[in-house]
Amino acid sequence: MKLYHFFPDLMNLYGDYGNLVVLQKALADAGVEAEIVKVYPGDAPDLADADFLYMGPGTEPARNAALEHLRPWKDALSDALLTRRVPALFTGNAWSLLGSAITTPIGRLDGLGLFDYATAETAVRVTGDAIAAPAADGLPGRPAVGFLNRCDTVQGAETPLFTLEMGKGNDGQTPAEGFVSGAFHATHLIGPLLVKNPHLLTHFVSLLGAEPVPVDPSSHPALAYEVTLTALRQRLAGSKG
């Protein structure tokens, strides 16, 4: 199985490459050998053999550079994501590249246009912990935990991945967060997401056609998740009180 990692040099903030590391390990535990294929600017990847696509967050200048490097692969990405529905996860600001446009302080950049949402940079950076209840069909019933660090808003993401119990959503006003279309999953939550949420990790293993090893509730990842969720909910209740 091949897990494609786009631009691990440019889009490399917050240790989010850990999403692929734990996914590869979970697949191995399920008896599936998976190779992480790193794709760099100037490469010409053959996405016909891709089983999973991933891109993590980067700085705003890095994101703009990544967009230009990604343009030659628009048709291949469209075939993978829209036609063959290859499972994918884009975190942080990476998913803005696949929308219709990115508005920056110095002008508008055309996105790849694979999806209809549009991103606009803002002068205010939003940071903080997040609790994200599942909003998309097929997701595990438990909420996700993570962290937000962004200075943009997204309009037109009509099918959100999550509904935030804590944190600000795509447009900065409503709780709708992230985006899902077919097997493409996008979220601003960092952490890394699949490290902090073992139930989501097993979900992606299942999406890839493997039988995941059940989460051991006494394991460190499971206990860390429970402690984090409990602490965040206590903080949220205290802020409302």
Protein backbone atom coordinates (compact mmCIF):
# COMPACT_ATOMS: atom_id res chain seq x y z
CA MET A 1 0.00 0.00 0.00
CA LYS A 2 1.30 3.49 -0.85
CA LEU A 3 0.66 6.52 1.33
CA TYR A 4 1.53 9.72 -0.56
CA HIS A 5 2.87 12.62 1.50
CA PHE A 6 2.83 15.89 -0.46
CA PHE A 7 5.56 18.44 0.25
CA PRO A 8 6.98 17.25 3.59
CA ASP A 9 9.52 20.07 3.27
CA LEU A 10 7.18 22.99 2.55
CA MET A 11 4.07 21.91 4.46
CA ASN A 12 5.67 20.66 7.64
CA LEU A 13 4.37 22.55 10.69
CA TYR A 14 3.30 21.24 14.10
CA GLY A 15 4.68 17.73 13.63
CA ASP A 16 1.61 16.78 11.65
CA TYR A 17 3.66 14.29 9.63
CA GLY A 18 2.89 12.14 12.67
CA ASN A 19 -0.49 11.43 11.09
CA LEU A 20 1.23 9.30 8.47
CA VAL A 21 3.63 7.69 10.92
CA VAL A 22 0.85 6.35 13.14
CA LEU A 23 -1.26 5.37 10.13
CA GLN A 24 1.61 3.33 8.71
CA LYS A 25 2.10 1.65 12.12
CA ALA A 26 -1.62 0.92 12.52
CA LEU A 27 -1.71 -0.64 9.05
CA ALA A 28 1.30 -2.79 9.95
CA ASP A 29 -0.51 -3.92 13.11
CA ALA A 30 -3.43 -4.86 10.84
CA GLY A 31 -1.10 -6.95 8.69
CA VAL A 32 -0.77 -4.48 5.81
CA GLU A 33 2.62 -3.26 4.60
CA ALA A 34 2.46 0.44 3.73
CA GLU A 35 5.12 2.68 2.21
CA ILE A 36 5.20 6.44 2.74
CA VAL A 37 5.98 8.04 -0.62
CA LYS A 38 7.32 11.57 -0.15
CA VAL A 39 6.48 13.95 -3.01
CA TYR A 40 8.62 17.07 -3.44
CA PRO A 41 8.29 20.14 -5.69
CA GLY A 42 9.38 19.25 -9.21
CA ASP A 43 8.48 15.57 -8.88
CA ALA A 44 6.08 13.92 -11.30
CA PRO A 45 4.21 11.41 -9.14
CA ASP A 46 2.11 8.66 -10.66
CA LEU A 47 -0.96 8.88 -8.46
CA ALA A 48 -2.52 5.89 -10.19
CA ASP A 49 -0.93 3.66 -7.54
CA ALA A 50 -1.85 5.88 -4.57
CA ASP A 51 -3.86 4.33 -1.76
CA PHE A 52 -3.88 7.43 0.45
CA LEU A 53 -3.05 11.12 -0.01
CA TYR A 54 -1.86 13.43 2.76
CA MET A 55 -0.73 17.03 3.13
CA GLY A 56 -0.07 18.91 6.35
CA PRO A 57 -0.03 22.62 7.25
CA GLY A 58 2.56 25.23 6.33
CA THR A 59 3.22 28.93 6.73
CA GLU A 60 1.25 31.22 4.44
CA PRO A 61 4.23 31.78 2.07
CA ALA A 62 4.89 28.04 2.00
CA ARG A 63 1.23 27.39 1.24
CA ASN A 64 1.36 29.81 -1.69
CA ALA A 65 4.47 28.12 -3.05
CA ALA A 66 2.89 24.68 -2.59
CA LEU A 67 -0.12 25.81 -4.62
CA GLU A 68 2.04 26.63 -7.63
CA HIS A 69 3.94 23.36 -7.36
CA LEU A 70 0.66 21.47 -7.14
CA ARG A 71 -0.91 22.98 -10.27
CA PRO A 72 0.70 20.56 -12.77
CA TRP A 73 -0.92 17.68 -10.89
CA LYS A 74 -4.46 19.07 -10.95
CA ASP A 75 -5.79 16.45 -13.37
CA ALA A 76 -4.09 13.60 -11.51
CA LEU A 77 -5.47 14.86 -8.20
CA SER A 78 -8.93 15.25 -9.69
CA ASP A 79 -8.83 11.68 -10.95
CA ALA A 80 -7.61 10.37 -7.59
CA LEU A 81 -9.95 12.37 -5.34
CA LEU A 82 -13.07 12.86 -7.44
CA THR A 83 -13.14 9.86 -9.78
CA ARG A 84 -11.40 7.03 -7.92
CA ARG A 85 -12.20 8.47 -4.48
CA VAL A 86 -8.84 7.63 -2.98
CA PRO A 87 -8.94 8.23 0.80
CA ALA A 88 -7.20 11.48 1.74
CA LEU A 89 -6.54 13.73 4.72
CA PHE A 90 -5.42 17.36 4.41
CA THR A 91 -4.81 19.19 7.70
CA GLY A 92 -4.26 22.79 8.76
CA ASN A 93 -4.29 25.19 5.82
CA ALA A 94 -3.36 22.51 3.25
CA TRP A 95 -6.92 21.97 2.10
CA SER A 96 -7.25 25.61 1.02
CA LEU A 97 -5.17 24.70 -2.06
CA LEU A 98 -7.94 22.51 -3.47
CA GLY A 99 -10.68 25.15 -3.22
CA SER A 100 -11.70 27.79 -5.73
CA ALA A 101 -9.59 30.68 -4.43
CA ILE A 102 -7.34 32.01 -1.67
CA THR A 103 -7.60 35.73 -0.92
CA THR A 104 -4.39 37.12 0.57
CA PRO A 105 -3.43 40.66 1.66
CA ILE A 106 -1.71 41.15 -1.70
CA GLY A 107 -4.38 39.68 -3.95
CA ARG A 108 -6.37 36.66 -5.02
CA LEU A 109 -4.86 33.29 -5.91
CA ASP A 110 -6.82 30.81 -7.97
CA GLY A 111 -7.01 27.47 -6.20
CA LEU A 112 -7.07 24.15 -8.01
CA GLY A 113 -10.85 24.32 -8.06
CA LEU A 114 -11.49 20.70 -7.16
CA PHE A 115 -13.99 21.88 -4.55
CA ASP A 116 -16.18 24.99 -4.30
CA TYR A 117 -15.08 26.48 -0.99
CA ALA A 118 -12.90 29.62 -0.86
CA THR A 119 -10.37 30.79 1.73
CA ALA A 120 -9.57 34.34 2.85
CA GLU A 121 -6.69 35.35 5.10
CA THR A 122 -7.58 37.51 8.10
CA ALA A 123 -5.64 39.89 10.31
CA VAL A 124 -6.57 37.88 13.40
CA ARG A 125 -4.94 34.56 14.24
CA VAL A 126 -7.20 32.07 16.01
CA THR A 127 -5.44 29.69 18.38
CA GLY A 128 -6.72 27.33 21.02
CA ASP A 129 -7.84 23.84 21.91
CA ALA A 130 -10.80 22.30 20.17
CA ILE A 131 -13.44 19.65 20.75
CA ALA A 132 -14.98 18.51 17.49
CA ALA A 133 -18.10 16.36 17.36
CA PRO A 134 -18.48 14.24 14.21
CA ALA A 135 -20.68 15.85 11.56
CA ALA A 136 -20.01 13.64 8.52
CA ASP A 137 -21.69 10.30 7.93
CA GLY A 138 -19.57 7.30 8.79
CA LEU A 139 -17.31 8.97 11.34
CA PRO A 140 -16.93 7.35 14.77
CA GLY A 141 -19.40 8.70 17.29
CA ARG A 142 -16.84 10.06 19.74
CA PRO A 143 -15.64 13.68 19.43
CA ALA A 144 -12.15 14.55 18.27
CA VAL A 145 -9.72 16.70 20.22
CA GLY A 146 -7.07 18.91 18.71
CA PHE A 147 -5.65 22.40 18.42
CA LEU A 148 -6.40 25.32 16.10
CA ASN A 149 -3.81 27.79 14.83
CA ARG A 150 -5.07 29.70 11.80
CA CYS A 151 -5.47 33.16 10.33
CA ASP A 152 -8.09 32.52 7.67
CA THR A 153 -11.76 31.83 7.15
CA VAL A 154 -13.38 29.40 4.75
CA GLN A 155 -16.70 29.99 3.01
CA GLY A 156 -18.69 27.46 1.01
CA ALA A 157 -17.57 24.23 2.71
CA GLU A 158 -21.11 22.89 2.63
CA THR A 159 -20.35 19.44 4.05
CA PRO A 160 -18.32 19.93 7.25
CA LEU A 161 -16.33 17.14 8.83
CA PHE A 162 -16.98 18.27 12.41
CA THR A 163 -19.18 20.48 14.56
CA LEU A 164 -17.10 22.28 17.18
CA GLU A 165 -18.09 22.16 20.83
CA MET A 166 -15.00 24.26 21.62
CA GLY A 167 -13.21 26.51 19.13
CA LYS A 168 -14.15 28.58 16.08
CA GLY A 169 -15.28 26.92 12.88
CA ASN A 170 -14.52 27.49 9.21
CA ASP A 171 -16.09 30.94 8.92
CA GLY A 172 -15.06 32.13 12.39
CA GLN A 173 -18.71 32.44 13.46
CA THR A 174 -20.44 29.07 13.27
CA PRO A 175 -19.29 25.69 14.65
CA ALA A 176 -19.06 23.92 11.27
CA GLU A 177 -15.43 22.81 10.84
CA GLY A 178 -13.50 21.13 8.07
CA PHE A 179 -14.87 19.52 4.94
CA VAL A 180 -15.60 16.08 3.58
CA SER A 181 -16.42 14.96 0.06
CA GLY A 182 -16.36 11.27 -0.77
CA ALA A 183 -13.20 9.93 0.85
CA PHE A 184 -11.52 13.38 1.02
CA HIS A 185 -11.26 14.63 4.60
CA ALA A 186 -10.09 18.13 5.52
CA THR A 187 -9.74 19.83 8.89
CA HIS A 188 -7.95 22.72 10.56
CA LEU A 189 -7.37 20.53 13.63
CA ILE A 190 -3.72 19.82 14.26
CA GLY A 191 -2.15 17.83 17.03
CA PRO A 192 -1.52 15.56 15.04
CA LEU A 193 -5.16 14.53 14.62
CA LEU A 194 -4.64 10.77 14.24
CA VAL A 195 -2.14 10.65 17.11
CA LYS A 196 -4.48 12.37 19.54
CA ASN A 197 -7.61 10.49 18.43
CA PRO A 198 -7.10 6.72 18.22
CA HIS A 199 -10.73 6.18 17.20
CA LEU A 200 -10.13 8.30 14.08
CA LEU A 201 -6.93 6.38 13.36
CA THR A 202 -8.84 3.10 13.29
CA HIS A 203 -11.46 4.78 11.08
CA PHE A 204 -8.84 5.61 8.45
CA VAL A 205 -7.39 2.11 8.64
CA SER A 206 -10.88 0.83 7.83
CA LEU A 207 -11.21 3.32 4.96
CA LEU A 208 -8.08 1.79 3.49
CA GLY A 209 -9.71 -1.62 3.46
CA ALA A 210 -7.85 -3.14 6.40
CA GLU A 211 -9.25 -4.62 9.61
CA PRO A 212 -7.94 -2.37 12.39
CA VAL A 213 -6.74 -3.73 15.68
CA PRO A 214 -9.31 -2.61 18.29
CA VAL A 215 -8.20 0.27 20.48
CA ASP A 216 -7.00 -0.94 23.87
CA PRO A 217 -8.69 1.38 26.41
CA SER A 218 -5.71 0.96 28.74
CA SER A 219 -3.16 2.00 26.09
CA HIS A 220 -1.35 5.33 26.34
CA PRO A 221 -3.09 6.87 23.27
CA ALA A 222 -6.53 5.91 24.57
CA LEU A 223 -5.83 7.18 28.09
CA ALA A 224 -4.30 10.42 26.76
CA TYR A 225 -7.41 11.00 24.65
CA GLU A 226 -9.73 10.49 27.63
CA VAL A 227 -7.68 12.78 29.87
CA THR A 228 -7.59 15.50 27.20
CA LEU A 229 -11.31 15.31 26.42
CA THR A 230 -12.22 15.40 30.12
CA ALA A 231 -9.94 18.38 30.82
CA LEU A 232 -11.23 20.34 27.84
CA ARG A 233 -14.86 19.71 28.74
CA GLN A 234 -14.20 20.81 32.32
CA ARG A 235 -12.59 23.98 31.03
CA LEU A 236 -15.51 24.56 28.68
CA ALA A 237 -18.04 24.09 31.47
CA GLY A 238 -16.08 26.48 33.67
CA SER A 239 -16.04 29.16 30.96
CA LYS A 240 -19.83 28.92 30.63
CA GLY A 241 -20.35 29.00 34.38
